[in-house]
Amino acid sequence: MLNKNVLEIPFEKLKEDSEILERMENSVATWFKYWNDNMDAAYADANFARGKQWEAHEIADYYVRQKVQLTCNVLNVYIRNLVGEQRQNSPQIKVRPTNVKTTQAETSLIEGLLREIAYGSNSDMAYQTGFVSQLMSGYGAWRIVIDYDDSRSFNKVLRVVPIYDILKVYFDVAAQELTKTDGDYCGIYTKMSLEEFKETYKNIDPKSLNPPSSAGTTQFQWYDRDLITICEHFQRIRKKTKLYMLSNGETVTEEEKDTRLTELNKKNKDDYQRLVLLQFLASQSGQQGEQDIGQQQ
């Protein structure tokens, strides 16, 4: 959090930013207090799966007795087998239309775009990293970011990015879905050294920062002597809108209503003209058939 004299920002904007930062601080503190025991267990489980299967007091006791700690890590074999099966059956995105407006051509186009995003991101690596984290720590995740196509391009593209440390991710504690998609917020944080912070944010003096208090957990601290926490926070903003049901059973919002009615009226007019043309052609064909029969007689 920044003091008021760090940057030349209008007071109204500064007040709004302060409210956002306060909401973010409360969200982070709530998550880590709620999930702290699970994070301790996830850290211990991951170390156990990697072969660190002795407690600190047991190691100290064996050291005093001058005995060797023997470790037979049988979990590694099962983890590798499951990861190998997952690599052979990596998940693929399938697109299905959910309303009458979406055509098969549009569905195929969206599916092709998603495949291009997955291929350009090497998404299999993100899925596998999340799967390994789930096996070893109990839960895993990956993220979708917006990035430039390359270092000399202005085109922005979506990328699927792996999350290597699941303990640096937080979600809404009220979320009930396994994917946390029903939550109101989520985020991820990273640690940055003071030297790197000064190089990246040259217009901000680290000494002027006013970091919030500790989140009250053994797994998360906003700052220490040498590191600064950089947090990316995403908040769901809810708004009310009117929903309309059309005579054909289709539902549209207030913003979509006029445009959709215009499209339907034009489509109905075109369908009516096409029907009249077909009836005219059918009548002409019937008259021609009657003339042919009269000539044969």
C-alpha atoms as a PDB file:
ATOM      1  CA  MET A   1       0.000   0.000   0.000  1.00  0.00           C
ATOM      2  CA  LEU A   2       1.293   3.444  -0.928  1.00  0.00           C
ATOM      3  CA  ASN A   3       1.382   6.644   1.071  1.00  0.00           C
ATOM      4  CA  LYS A   4      -0.464   9.649  -0.314  1.00  0.00           C
ATOM      5  CA  ASN A   5       2.703  11.435  -1.377  1.00  0.00           C
ATOM      6  CA  VAL A   6       4.269   8.608  -3.392  1.00  0.00           C
ATOM      7  CA  LEU A   7       2.690   9.459  -6.747  1.00  0.00           C
ATOM      8  CA  GLU A   8       0.866  12.484  -8.118  1.00  0.00           C
ATOM      9  CA  ILE A   9      -2.642  10.966  -7.967  1.00  0.00           C
ATOM     10  CA  PRO A  10      -5.920  12.896  -7.519  1.00  0.00           C
ATOM     11  CA  PHE A  11      -7.428  12.461  -4.067  1.00  0.00           C
ATOM     12  CA  GLU A  12     -10.634  10.861  -5.431  1.00  0.00           C
ATOM     13  CA  LYS A  13      -8.609   8.264  -7.353  1.00  0.00           C
ATOM     14  CA  LEU A  14      -6.350   7.710  -4.357  1.00  0.00           C
ATOM     15  CA  LYS A  15      -9.383   7.128  -2.121  1.00  0.00           C
ATOM     16  CA  GLU A  16     -10.791   4.622  -4.591  1.00  0.00           C
ATOM     17  CA  ASP A  17      -7.439   2.809  -4.775  1.00  0.00           C
ATOM     18  CA  SER A  18      -7.226   2.746  -0.982  1.00  0.00           C
ATOM     19  CA  GLU A  19     -10.640   1.063  -0.800  1.00  0.00           C
ATOM     20  CA  ILE A  20      -9.542  -1.521  -3.370  1.00  0.00           C
ATOM     21  CA  LEU A  21      -6.332  -2.207  -1.461  1.00  0.00           C
ATOM     22  CA  GLU A  22      -8.227  -2.527   1.808  1.00  0.00           C
ATOM     23  CA  ARG A  23     -10.662  -4.991   0.245  1.00  0.00           C
ATOM     24  CA  MET A  24      -7.759  -6.965  -1.208  1.00  0.00           C
ATOM     25  CA  GLU A  25      -5.963  -7.020   2.162  1.00  0.00           C
ATOM     26  CA  ASN A  26      -9.085  -8.335   3.898  1.00  0.00           C
ATOM     27  CA  SER A  27      -9.602 -10.979   1.218  1.00  0.00           C
ATOM     28  CA  VAL A  28      -6.031 -12.232   1.502  1.00  0.00           C
ATOM     29  CA  ALA A  29      -6.126 -12.281   5.314  1.00  0.00           C
ATOM     30  CA  THR A  30      -9.463 -14.134   5.335  1.00  0.00           C
ATOM     31  CA  TRP A  31      -8.233 -16.811   2.951  1.00  0.00           C
ATOM     32  CA  PHE A  32      -4.934 -17.506   4.677  1.00  0.00           C
ATOM     33  CA  LYS A  33      -6.516 -17.634   8.133  1.00  0.00           C
ATOM     34  CA  TYR A  34      -9.164 -20.012   6.814  1.00  0.00           C
ATOM     35  CA  TRP A  35      -6.787 -22.202   4.772  1.00  0.00           C
ATOM     36  CA  ASN A  36      -3.681 -22.035   6.963  1.00  0.00           C
ATOM     37  CA  ASP A  37      -3.978 -25.576   8.377  1.00  0.00           C
ATOM     38  CA  ASN A  38      -4.530 -26.988   4.898  1.00  0.00           C
ATOM     39  CA  MET A  39      -1.471 -25.147   3.597  1.00  0.00           C
ATOM     40  CA  ASP A  40       0.670 -26.531   6.414  1.00  0.00           C
ATOM     41  CA  ALA A  41      -0.628 -30.010   5.585  1.00  0.00           C
ATOM     42  CA  ALA A  42      -0.043 -29.481   1.848  1.00  0.00           C
ATOM     43  CA  TYR A  43       3.535 -28.396   2.501  1.00  0.00           C
ATOM     44  CA  ALA A  44       4.139 -31.414   4.733  1.00  0.00           C
ATOM     45  CA  ASP A  45       2.507 -33.823   2.242  1.00  0.00           C
ATOM     46  CA  ALA A  46       4.600 -32.484  -0.645  1.00  0.00           C
ATOM     47  CA  ASN A  47       7.804 -32.911   1.354  1.00  0.00           C
ATOM     48  CA  PHE A  48       6.729 -36.411   2.397  1.00  0.00           C
ATOM     49  CA  ALA A  49       6.077 -37.375  -1.237  1.00  0.00           C
ATOM     50  CA  ARG A  50       9.530 -36.052  -2.202  1.00  0.00           C
ATOM     51  CA  GLY A  51      11.181 -38.269   0.415  1.00  0.00           C
ATOM     52  CA  LYS A  52      11.451 -36.006   3.479  1.00  0.00           C
ATOM     53  CA  GLN A  53       9.545 -38.382   5.701  1.00  0.00           C
ATOM     54  CA  TRP A  54      11.174 -37.764   9.081  1.00  0.00           C
ATOM     55  CA  GLU A  55      10.030 -35.132  11.563  1.00  0.00           C
ATOM     56  CA  ALA A  56      12.574 -32.615  12.878  1.00  0.00           C
ATOM     57  CA  HIS A  57      12.530 -34.042  16.412  1.00  0.00           C
ATOM     58  CA  GLU A  58      13.033 -37.562  15.008  1.00  0.00           C
ATOM     59  CA  ILE A  59      16.044 -36.431  12.999  1.00  0.00           C
ATOM     60  CA  ALA A  60      17.497 -34.730  16.081  1.00  0.00           C
ATOM     61  CA  ASP A  61      16.904 -37.834  18.182  1.00  0.00           C
ATOM     62  CA  TYR A  62      18.618 -40.077  15.633  1.00  0.00           C
ATOM     63  CA  TYR A  63      21.496 -37.602  15.398  1.00  0.00           C
ATOM     64  CA  VAL A  64      22.009 -37.762  19.174  1.00  0.00           C
ATOM     65  CA  ARG A  65      21.907 -41.563  19.044  1.00  0.00           C
ATOM     66  CA  GLN A  66      24.285 -41.474  16.030  1.00  0.00           C
ATOM     67  CA  LYS A  67      21.901 -43.539  13.921  1.00  0.00           C
ATOM     68  CA  VAL A  68      21.002 -43.236  10.240  1.00  0.00           C
ATOM     69  CA  GLN A  69      17.455 -42.412   9.140  1.00  0.00           C
ATOM     70  CA  LEU A  70      16.397 -44.953   6.522  1.00  0.00           C
ATOM     71  CA  THR A  71      13.779 -43.810   3.990  1.00  0.00           C
ATOM     72  CA  CYS A  72      11.944 -46.067   1.534  1.00  0.00           C
ATOM     73  CA  ASN A  73       9.829 -43.755  -0.588  1.00  0.00           C
ATOM     74  CA  VAL A  74       7.182 -45.995  -2.214  1.00  0.00           C
ATOM     75  CA  LEU A  75       4.888 -43.065  -3.042  1.00  0.00           C
ATOM     76  CA  ASN A  76       7.145 -41.846  -5.842  1.00  0.00           C
ATOM     77  CA  VAL A  77       6.389 -44.932  -7.968  1.00  0.00           C
ATOM     78  CA  TYR A  78       2.619 -44.429  -7.742  1.00  0.00           C
ATOM     79  CA  ILE A  79       2.892 -40.701  -8.416  1.00  0.00           C
ATOM     80  CA  ARG A  80       4.974 -41.317 -11.538  1.00  0.00           C
ATOM     81  CA  ASN A  81       2.479 -43.922 -12.798  1.00  0.00           C
ATOM     82  CA  LEU A  82      -0.470 -41.568 -12.338  1.00  0.00           C
ATOM     83  CA  VAL A  83       1.396 -38.667 -13.961  1.00  0.00           C
ATOM     84  CA  GLY A  84       2.305 -40.903 -16.913  1.00  0.00           C
ATOM     85  CA  GLU A  85      -1.351 -41.868 -17.396  1.00  0.00           C
ATOM     86  CA  GLN A  86      -2.369 -38.215 -17.230  1.00  0.00           C
ATOM     87  CA  ARG A  87       0.202 -37.276 -19.879  1.00  0.00           C
ATOM     88  CA  GLN A  88      -1.181 -39.951 -22.184  1.00  0.00           C
ATOM     89  CA  ASN A  89      -4.725 -38.619 -21.652  1.00  0.00           C
ATOM     90  CA  SER A  90      -4.225 -34.865 -21.417  1.00  0.00           C
ATOM     91  CA  PRO A  91      -7.563 -32.981 -21.203  1.00  0.00           C
ATOM     92  CA  GLN A  92      -8.868 -31.263 -24.334  1.00  0.00           C
ATOM     93  CA  ILE A  93     -11.440 -28.482 -24.510  1.00  0.00           C
ATOM     94  CA  LYS A  94     -14.721 -29.326 -26.261  1.00  0.00           C
ATOM     95  CA  VAL A  95     -17.101 -26.524 -27.266  1.00  0.00           C
ATOM     96  CA  ARG A  96     -20.861 -27.093 -27.385  1.00  0.00           C
ATOM     97  CA  PRO A  97     -23.507 -24.479 -28.306  1.00  0.00           C
ATOM     98  CA  THR A  98     -25.813 -23.525 -25.439  1.00  0.00           C
ATOM     99  CA  ASN A  99     -28.443 -21.475 -27.290  1.00  0.00           C
ATOM    100  CA  VAL A 100     -30.251 -21.320 -30.615  1.00  0.00           C
ATOM    101  CA  LYS A 101     -28.261 -18.290 -31.811  1.00  0.00           C
ATOM    102  CA  THR A 102     -24.949 -20.154 -31.992  1.00  0.00           C
ATOM    103  CA  THR A 103     -24.338 -21.974 -35.263  1.00  0.00           C
ATOM    104  CA  GLN A 104     -22.142 -25.001 -35.810  1.00  0.00           C
ATOM    105  CA  ALA A 105     -19.732 -22.853 -37.822  1.00  0.00           C
ATOM    106  CA  GLU A 106     -19.315 -20.450 -34.888  1.00  0.00           C
ATOM    107  CA  THR A 107     -18.821 -23.388 -32.519  1.00  0.00           C
ATOM    108  CA  SER A 108     -16.116 -24.861 -34.752  1.00  0.00           C
ATOM    109  CA  LEU A 109     -14.419 -21.454 -35.010  1.00  0.00           C
ATOM    110  CA  ILE A 110     -14.310 -21.011 -31.214  1.00  0.00           C
ATOM    111  CA  GLU A 111     -13.011 -24.534 -30.765  1.00  0.00           C
ATOM    112  CA  GLY A 112     -10.272 -23.870 -33.302  1.00  0.00           C
ATOM    113  CA  LEU A 113      -9.270 -20.657 -31.513  1.00  0.00           C
ATOM    114  CA  LEU A 114      -9.069 -22.501 -28.194  1.00  0.00           C
ATOM    115  CA  ARG A 115      -6.900 -25.190 -29.736  1.00  0.00           C
ATOM    116  CA  GLU A 116      -4.592 -22.490 -31.122  1.00  0.00           C
ATOM    117  CA  ILE A 117      -4.331 -20.865 -27.662  1.00  0.00           C
ATOM    118  CA  ALA A 118      -3.574 -24.241 -26.074  1.00  0.00           C
ATOM    119  CA  TYR A 119      -0.952 -25.084 -28.701  1.00  0.00           C
ATOM    120  CA  GLY A 120       0.744 -21.676 -28.442  1.00  0.00           C
ATOM    121  CA  SER A 121       0.804 -21.904 -24.651  1.00  0.00           C
ATOM    122  CA  ASN A 122       2.052 -25.489 -24.384  1.00  0.00           C
ATOM    123  CA  SER A 123      -0.977 -25.966 -22.156  1.00  0.00           C
ATOM    124  CA  ASP A 124      -0.157 -29.628 -21.489  1.00  0.00           C
ATOM    125  CA  MET A 125       2.657 -28.430 -19.220  1.00  0.00           C
ATOM    126  CA  ALA A 126       0.222 -26.288 -17.220  1.00  0.00           C
ATOM    127  CA  TYR A 127      -2.252 -29.161 -16.868  1.00  0.00           C
ATOM    128  CA  GLN A 128       0.464 -31.612 -15.833  1.00  0.00           C
ATOM    129  CA  THR A 129       1.938 -29.184 -13.286  1.00  0.00           C
ATOM    130  CA  GLY A 130      -1.484 -28.668 -11.735  1.00  0.00           C
ATOM    131  CA  PHE A 131      -2.085 -32.433 -11.685  1.00  0.00           C
ATOM    132  CA  VAL A 132       1.233 -33.140  -9.950  1.00  0.00           C
ATOM    133  CA  SER A 133       0.469 -30.437  -7.394  1.00  0.00           C
ATOM    134  CA  GLN A 134      -2.926 -32.002  -6.770  1.00  0.00           C
ATOM    135  CA  LEU A 135      -1.348 -35.422  -6.226  1.00  0.00           C
ATOM    136  CA  MET A 136       1.339 -34.187  -3.844  1.00  0.00           C
ATOM    137  CA  SER A 137      -0.394 -31.285  -2.055  1.00  0.00           C
ATOM    138  CA  GLY A 138      -4.095 -32.041  -2.364  1.00  0.00           C
ATOM    139  CA  TYR A 139      -5.005 -29.283  -4.834  1.00  0.00           C
ATOM    140  CA  GLY A 140      -3.579 -27.632  -7.943  1.00  0.00           C
ATOM    141  CA  ALA A 141      -4.248 -24.780 -10.346  1.00  0.00           C
ATOM    142  CA  TRP A 142      -3.144 -23.019 -13.502  1.00  0.00           C
ATOM    143  CA  ARG A 143      -3.957 -19.574 -14.841  1.00  0.00           C
ATOM    144  CA  ILE A 144      -4.881 -17.805 -18.080  1.00  0.00           C
ATOM    145  CA  VAL A 145      -3.068 -14.530 -18.774  1.00  0.00           C
ATOM    146  CA  ILE A 146      -3.006 -11.909 -21.515  1.00  0.00           C
ATOM    147  CA  ASP A 147       0.397 -11.528 -23.140  1.00  0.00           C
ATOM    148  CA  TYR A 148       1.937 -10.119 -26.310  1.00  0.00           C
ATOM    149  CA  ASP A 149       2.381 -12.524 -29.205  1.00  0.00           C
ATOM    150  CA  ASP A 150       6.142 -11.885 -29.141  1.00  0.00           C
ATOM    151  CA  SER A 151       8.609  -9.189 -28.096  1.00  0.00           C
ATOM    152  CA  ARG A 152       8.119  -7.222 -31.358  1.00  0.00           C
ATOM    153  CA  SER A 153       4.353  -7.477 -31.659  1.00  0.00           C
ATOM    154  CA  PHE A 154       1.420  -5.355 -30.527  1.00  0.00           C
ATOM    155  CA  ASN A 155      -0.978  -8.307 -30.823  1.00  0.00           C
ATOM    156  CA  LYS A 156      -2.238  -9.570 -27.483  1.00  0.00           C
ATOM    157  CA  VAL A 157      -3.083 -13.241 -27.048  1.00  0.00           C
ATOM    158  CA  LEU A 158      -4.285 -15.547 -24.293  1.00  0.00           C
ATOM    159  CA  ARG A 159      -1.812 -17.943 -22.713  1.00  0.00           C
ATOM    160  CA  VAL A 160      -2.327 -20.889 -20.350  1.00  0.00           C
ATOM    161  CA  VAL A 161       0.396 -20.622 -17.701  1.00  0.00           C
ATOM    162  CA  PRO A 162       1.347 -23.198 -15.034  1.00  0.00           C
ATOM    163  CA  ILE A 163       1.397 -22.356 -11.327  1.00  0.00           C
ATOM    164  CA  TYR A 164       4.366 -24.111  -9.762  1.00  0.00           C
ATOM    165  CA  ASP A 165       3.673 -23.142  -6.140  1.00  0.00           C
ATOM    166  CA  ILE A 166       0.024 -23.686  -5.272  1.00  0.00           C
ATOM    167  CA  LEU A 167       0.532 -22.139  -1.824  1.00  0.00           C
ATOM    168  CA  LYS A 168       0.839 -18.721  -3.489  1.00  0.00           C
ATOM    169  CA  VAL A 169      -2.765 -18.838  -4.756  1.00  0.00           C
ATOM    170  CA  TYR A 170      -5.837 -17.743  -2.792  1.00  0.00           C
ATOM    171  CA  PHE A 171      -9.600 -17.923  -3.409  1.00  0.00           C
ATOM    172  CA  ASP A 172     -12.888 -16.804  -1.922  1.00  0.00           C
ATOM    173  CA  VAL A 173     -13.548 -18.838   1.238  1.00  0.00           C
ATOM    174  CA  ALA A 174     -17.296 -18.833   0.444  1.00  0.00           C
ATOM    175  CA  ALA A 175     -16.789 -20.635  -2.903  1.00  0.00           C
ATOM    176  CA  GLN A 176     -18.446 -24.076  -2.972  1.00  0.00           C
ATOM    177  CA  GLU A 177     -17.479 -25.375  -6.412  1.00  0.00           C
ATOM    178  CA  LEU A 178     -14.348 -27.511  -6.680  1.00  0.00           C
ATOM    179  CA  THR A 179     -13.080 -25.127  -9.362  1.00  0.00           C
ATOM    180  CA  LYS A 180     -13.854 -22.055  -7.184  1.00  0.00           C
ATOM    181  CA  THR A 181     -15.661 -20.474 -10.148  1.00  0.00           C
ATOM    182  CA  ASP A 182     -18.522 -19.357  -7.905  1.00  0.00           C
ATOM    183  CA  GLY A 183     -16.221 -17.219  -5.752  1.00  0.00           C
ATOM    184  CA  ASP A 184     -16.150 -13.427  -5.739  1.00  0.00           C
ATOM    185  CA  TYR A 185     -12.366 -13.046  -5.785  1.00  0.00           C
ATOM    186  CA  CYS A 186      -9.088 -14.861  -6.306  1.00  0.00           C
ATOM    187  CA  GLY A 187      -5.451 -13.934  -6.692  1.00  0.00           C
ATOM    188  CA  ILE A 188      -1.824 -14.946  -6.729  1.00  0.00           C
ATOM    189  CA  TYR A 189       1.246 -13.375  -5.158  1.00  0.00           C
ATOM    190  CA  THR A 190       4.980 -13.469  -5.776  1.00  0.00           C
ATOM    191  CA  LYS A 191       8.010 -12.340  -3.816  1.00  0.00           C
ATOM    192  CA  MET A 192      10.388  -9.735  -5.217  1.00  0.00           C
ATOM    193  CA  SER A 193      13.729  -8.558  -3.876  1.00  0.00           C
ATOM    194  CA  LEU A 194      14.237  -4.888  -3.078  1.00  0.00           C
ATOM    195  CA  GLU A 195      16.779  -4.515  -5.899  1.00  0.00           C
ATOM    196  CA  GLU A 196      14.408  -6.048  -8.436  1.00  0.00           C
ATOM    197  CA  PHE A 197      11.529  -3.906  -7.130  1.00  0.00           C
ATOM    198  CA  LYS A 198      13.555  -0.710  -7.554  1.00  0.00           C
ATOM    199  CA  GLU A 199      14.492  -1.738 -11.094  1.00  0.00           C
ATOM    200  CA  THR A 200      10.922  -2.635 -12.077  1.00  0.00           C
ATOM    201  CA  TYR A 201       9.065   0.219 -10.318  1.00  0.00           C
ATOM    202  CA  LYS A 202      11.489   3.085 -10.643  1.00  0.00           C
ATOM    203  CA  ASN A 203       8.941   5.761  -9.688  1.00  0.00           C
ATOM    204  CA  ILE A 204       8.158   4.173  -6.301  1.00  0.00           C
ATOM    205  CA  ASP A 205      10.420   4.390  -3.291  1.00  0.00           C
ATOM    206  CA  PRO A 206      10.224   1.157  -1.235  1.00  0.00           C
ATOM    207  CA  LYS A 207      10.748   3.160   1.954  1.00  0.00           C
ATOM    208  CA  SER A 208       7.495   5.047   1.310  1.00  0.00           C
ATOM    209  CA  LEU A 209       5.418   1.868   1.192  1.00  0.00           C
ATOM    210  CA  ASN A 210       2.961   1.291   3.986  1.00  0.00           C
ATOM    211  CA  PRO A 211       2.418  -2.483   3.901  1.00  0.00           C
ATOM    212  CA  PRO A 212      -0.571  -3.974   5.730  1.00  0.00           C
ATOM    213  CA  SER A 213      -0.240  -6.052   8.845  1.00  0.00           C
ATOM    214  CA  SER A 214       0.504  -9.764   8.779  1.00  0.00           C
ATOM    215  CA  ALA A 215      -2.186 -12.074   7.445  1.00  0.00           C
ATOM    216  CA  GLY A 216      -1.825 -14.171  10.569  1.00  0.00           C
ATOM    217  CA  THR A 217      -0.426 -17.303   8.949  1.00  0.00           C
ATOM    218  CA  THR A 218       2.843 -19.187   8.862  1.00  0.00           C
ATOM    219  CA  GLN A 219       2.693 -19.412   5.062  1.00  0.00           C
ATOM    220  CA  PHE A 220       2.191 -15.750   4.130  1.00  0.00           C
ATOM    221  CA  GLN A 221       3.830 -12.468   5.119  1.00  0.00           C
ATOM    222  CA  TRP A 222       3.413  -9.190   3.255  1.00  0.00           C
ATOM    223  CA  TYR A 223       7.035  -8.190   3.683  1.00  0.00           C
ATOM    224  CA  ASP A 224      10.269  -8.943   5.459  1.00  0.00           C
ATOM    225  CA  ARG A 225      13.720  -7.400   5.528  1.00  0.00           C
ATOM    226  CA  ASP A 226      14.735  -8.304   1.970  1.00  0.00           C
ATOM    227  CA  LEU A 227      11.543  -9.179   0.053  1.00  0.00           C
ATOM    228  CA  ILE A 228       8.369  -7.380  -1.036  1.00  0.00           C
ATOM    229  CA  THR A 229       5.105  -9.134  -1.886  1.00  0.00           C
ATOM    230  CA  ILE A 230       3.538  -8.364  -5.286  1.00  0.00           C
ATOM    231  CA  CYS A 231      -0.111  -9.439  -5.331  1.00  0.00           C
ATOM    232  CA  GLU A 232      -2.412  -9.831  -8.365  1.00  0.00           C
ATOM    233  CA  HIS A 233      -6.004  -9.614  -7.160  1.00  0.00           C
ATOM    234  CA  PHE A 234      -9.123 -10.285  -9.255  1.00  0.00           C
ATOM    235  CA  GLN A 235     -12.540  -9.206  -8.002  1.00  0.00           C
ATOM    236  CA  ARG A 236     -15.949 -10.099  -9.421  1.00  0.00           C
ATOM    237  CA  ILE A 237     -18.151  -7.037  -9.881  1.00  0.00           C
ATOM    238  CA  ARG A 238     -21.878  -7.765  -9.806  1.00  0.00           C
ATOM    239  CA  LYS A 239     -24.518  -5.655 -11.532  1.00  0.00           C
ATOM    240  CA  LYS A 240     -28.264  -5.912 -12.031  1.00  0.00           C
ATOM    241  CA  THR A 241     -29.827  -6.230 -15.480  1.00  0.00           C
ATOM    242  CA  LYS A 242     -33.276  -6.915 -16.881  1.00  0.00           C
ATOM    243  CA  LEU A 243     -33.885 -10.215 -18.646  1.00  0.00           C
ATOM    244  CA  TYR A 244     -36.521 -10.571 -21.371  1.00  0.00           C
ATOM    245  CA  MET A 245     -38.089 -13.708 -22.852  1.00  0.00           C
ATOM    246  CA  LEU A 246     -39.067 -13.406 -26.507  1.00  0.00           C
ATOM    247  CA  SER A 247     -42.025 -15.125 -28.146  1.00  0.00           C
ATOM    248  CA  ASN A 248     -39.709 -17.802 -29.558  1.00  0.00           C
ATOM    249  CA  GLY A 249     -38.506 -18.749 -26.053  1.00  0.00           C
ATOM    250  CA  GLU A 250     -35.123 -17.012 -26.398  1.00  0.00           C
ATOM    251  CA  THR A 251     -33.894 -14.864 -23.499  1.00  0.00           C
ATOM    252  CA  VAL A 252     -31.988 -11.587 -23.965  1.00  0.00           C
ATOM    253  CA  THR A 253     -30.731  -8.830 -21.695  1.00  0.00           C
ATOM    254  CA  GLU A 254     -31.683  -5.163 -21.754  1.00  0.00           C
ATOM    255  CA  GLU A 255     -28.619  -4.342 -23.860  1.00  0.00           C
ATOM    256  CA  GLU A 256     -29.269  -7.156 -26.355  1.00  0.00           C
ATOM    257  CA  LYS A 257     -33.025  -6.657 -26.747  1.00  0.00           C
ATOM    258  CA  ASP A 258     -33.209  -4.014 -29.490  1.00  0.00           C
ATOM    259  CA  THR A 259     -30.444  -5.537 -31.592  1.00  0.00           C
ATOM    260  CA  ARG A 260     -31.904  -9.028 -31.339  1.00  0.00           C
ATOM    261  CA  LEU A 261     -35.451  -7.860 -32.173  1.00  0.00           C
ATOM    262  CA  THR A 262     -34.102  -6.095 -35.265  1.00  0.00           C
ATOM    263  CA  GLU A 263     -32.327  -9.283 -36.336  1.00  0.00           C
ATOM    264  CA  LEU A 264     -35.441 -11.398 -35.785  1.00  0.00           C
ATOM    265  CA  ASN A 265     -37.688  -8.950 -37.668  1.00  0.00           C
ATOM    266  CA  LYS A 266     -35.284  -8.944 -40.605  1.00  0.00           C
ATOM    267  CA  LYS A 267     -35.082 -12.736 -40.513  1.00  0.00           C
ATOM    268  CA  ASN A 268     -38.893 -13.058 -40.393  1.00  0.00           C
ATOM    269  CA  LYS A 269     -39.194 -10.662 -43.338  1.00  0.00           C
ATOM    270  CA  ASP A 270     -36.621 -12.611 -45.331  1.00  0.00           C
ATOM    271  CA  ASP A 271     -38.337 -15.892 -44.441  1.00  0.00           C
ATOM    272  CA  TYR A 272     -41.708 -14.464 -45.537  1.00  0.00           C
ATOM    273  CA  GLN A 273     -40.285 -13.263 -48.861  1.00  0.00           C
ATOM    274  CA  ARG A 274     -38.619 -16.638 -49.389  1.00  0.00           C
ATOM    275  CA  LEU A 275     -41.926 -18.406 -48.621  1.00  0.00           C
ATOM    276  CA  VAL A 276     -43.829 -16.195 -51.101  1.00  0.00           C
ATOM    277  CA  LEU A 277     -41.189 -16.901 -53.772  1.00  0.00           C
ATOM    278  CA  LEU A 278     -41.427 -20.634 -53.167  1.00  0.00           C
ATOM    279  CA  GLN A 279     -45.225 -20.515 -53.409  1.00  0.00           C
ATOM    280  CA  PHE A 280     -44.944 -18.541 -56.656  1.00  0.00           C
ATOM    281  CA  LEU A 281     -42.477 -21.023 -58.132  1.00  0.00           C
ATOM    282  CA  ALA A 282     -44.691 -23.912 -57.020  1.00  0.00           C
ATOM    283  CA  SER A 283     -47.749 -22.358 -58.715  1.00  0.00           C
ATOM    284  CA  GLN A 284     -45.770 -21.740 -61.900  1.00  0.00           C
ATOM    285  CA  SER A 285     -44.591 -25.344 -61.881  1.00  0.00           C
ATOM    286  CA  GLY A 286     -48.204 -26.564 -61.445  1.00  0.00           C
ATOM    287  CA  GLN A 287     -49.418 -24.463 -64.368  1.00  0.00           C
ATOM    288  CA  GLN A 288     -46.614 -25.745 -66.571  1.00  0.00           C
ATOM    289  CA  GLY A 289     -47.543 -29.310 -65.639  1.00  0.00           C
ATOM    290  CA  GLU A 290     -51.176 -28.698 -66.614  1.00  0.00           C
ATOM    291  CA  GLN A 291     -50.120 -27.278 -70.000  1.00  0.00           C
ATOM    292  CA  ASP A 292     -47.903 -30.315 -70.686  1.00  0.00           C
ATOM    293  CA  ILE A 293     -50.771 -32.690 -69.869  1.00  0.00           C
ATOM    294  CA  GLY A 294     -53.163 -30.712 -72.141  1.00  0.00           C
ATOM    295  CA  GLN A 295     -50.714 -30.887 -75.041  1.00  0.00           C
ATOM    296  CA  GLN A 296     -50.268 -34.636 -74.670  1.00  0.00           C
ATOM    297  CA  GLN A 297     -54.025 -35.148 -74.792  1.00  0.00           C
END
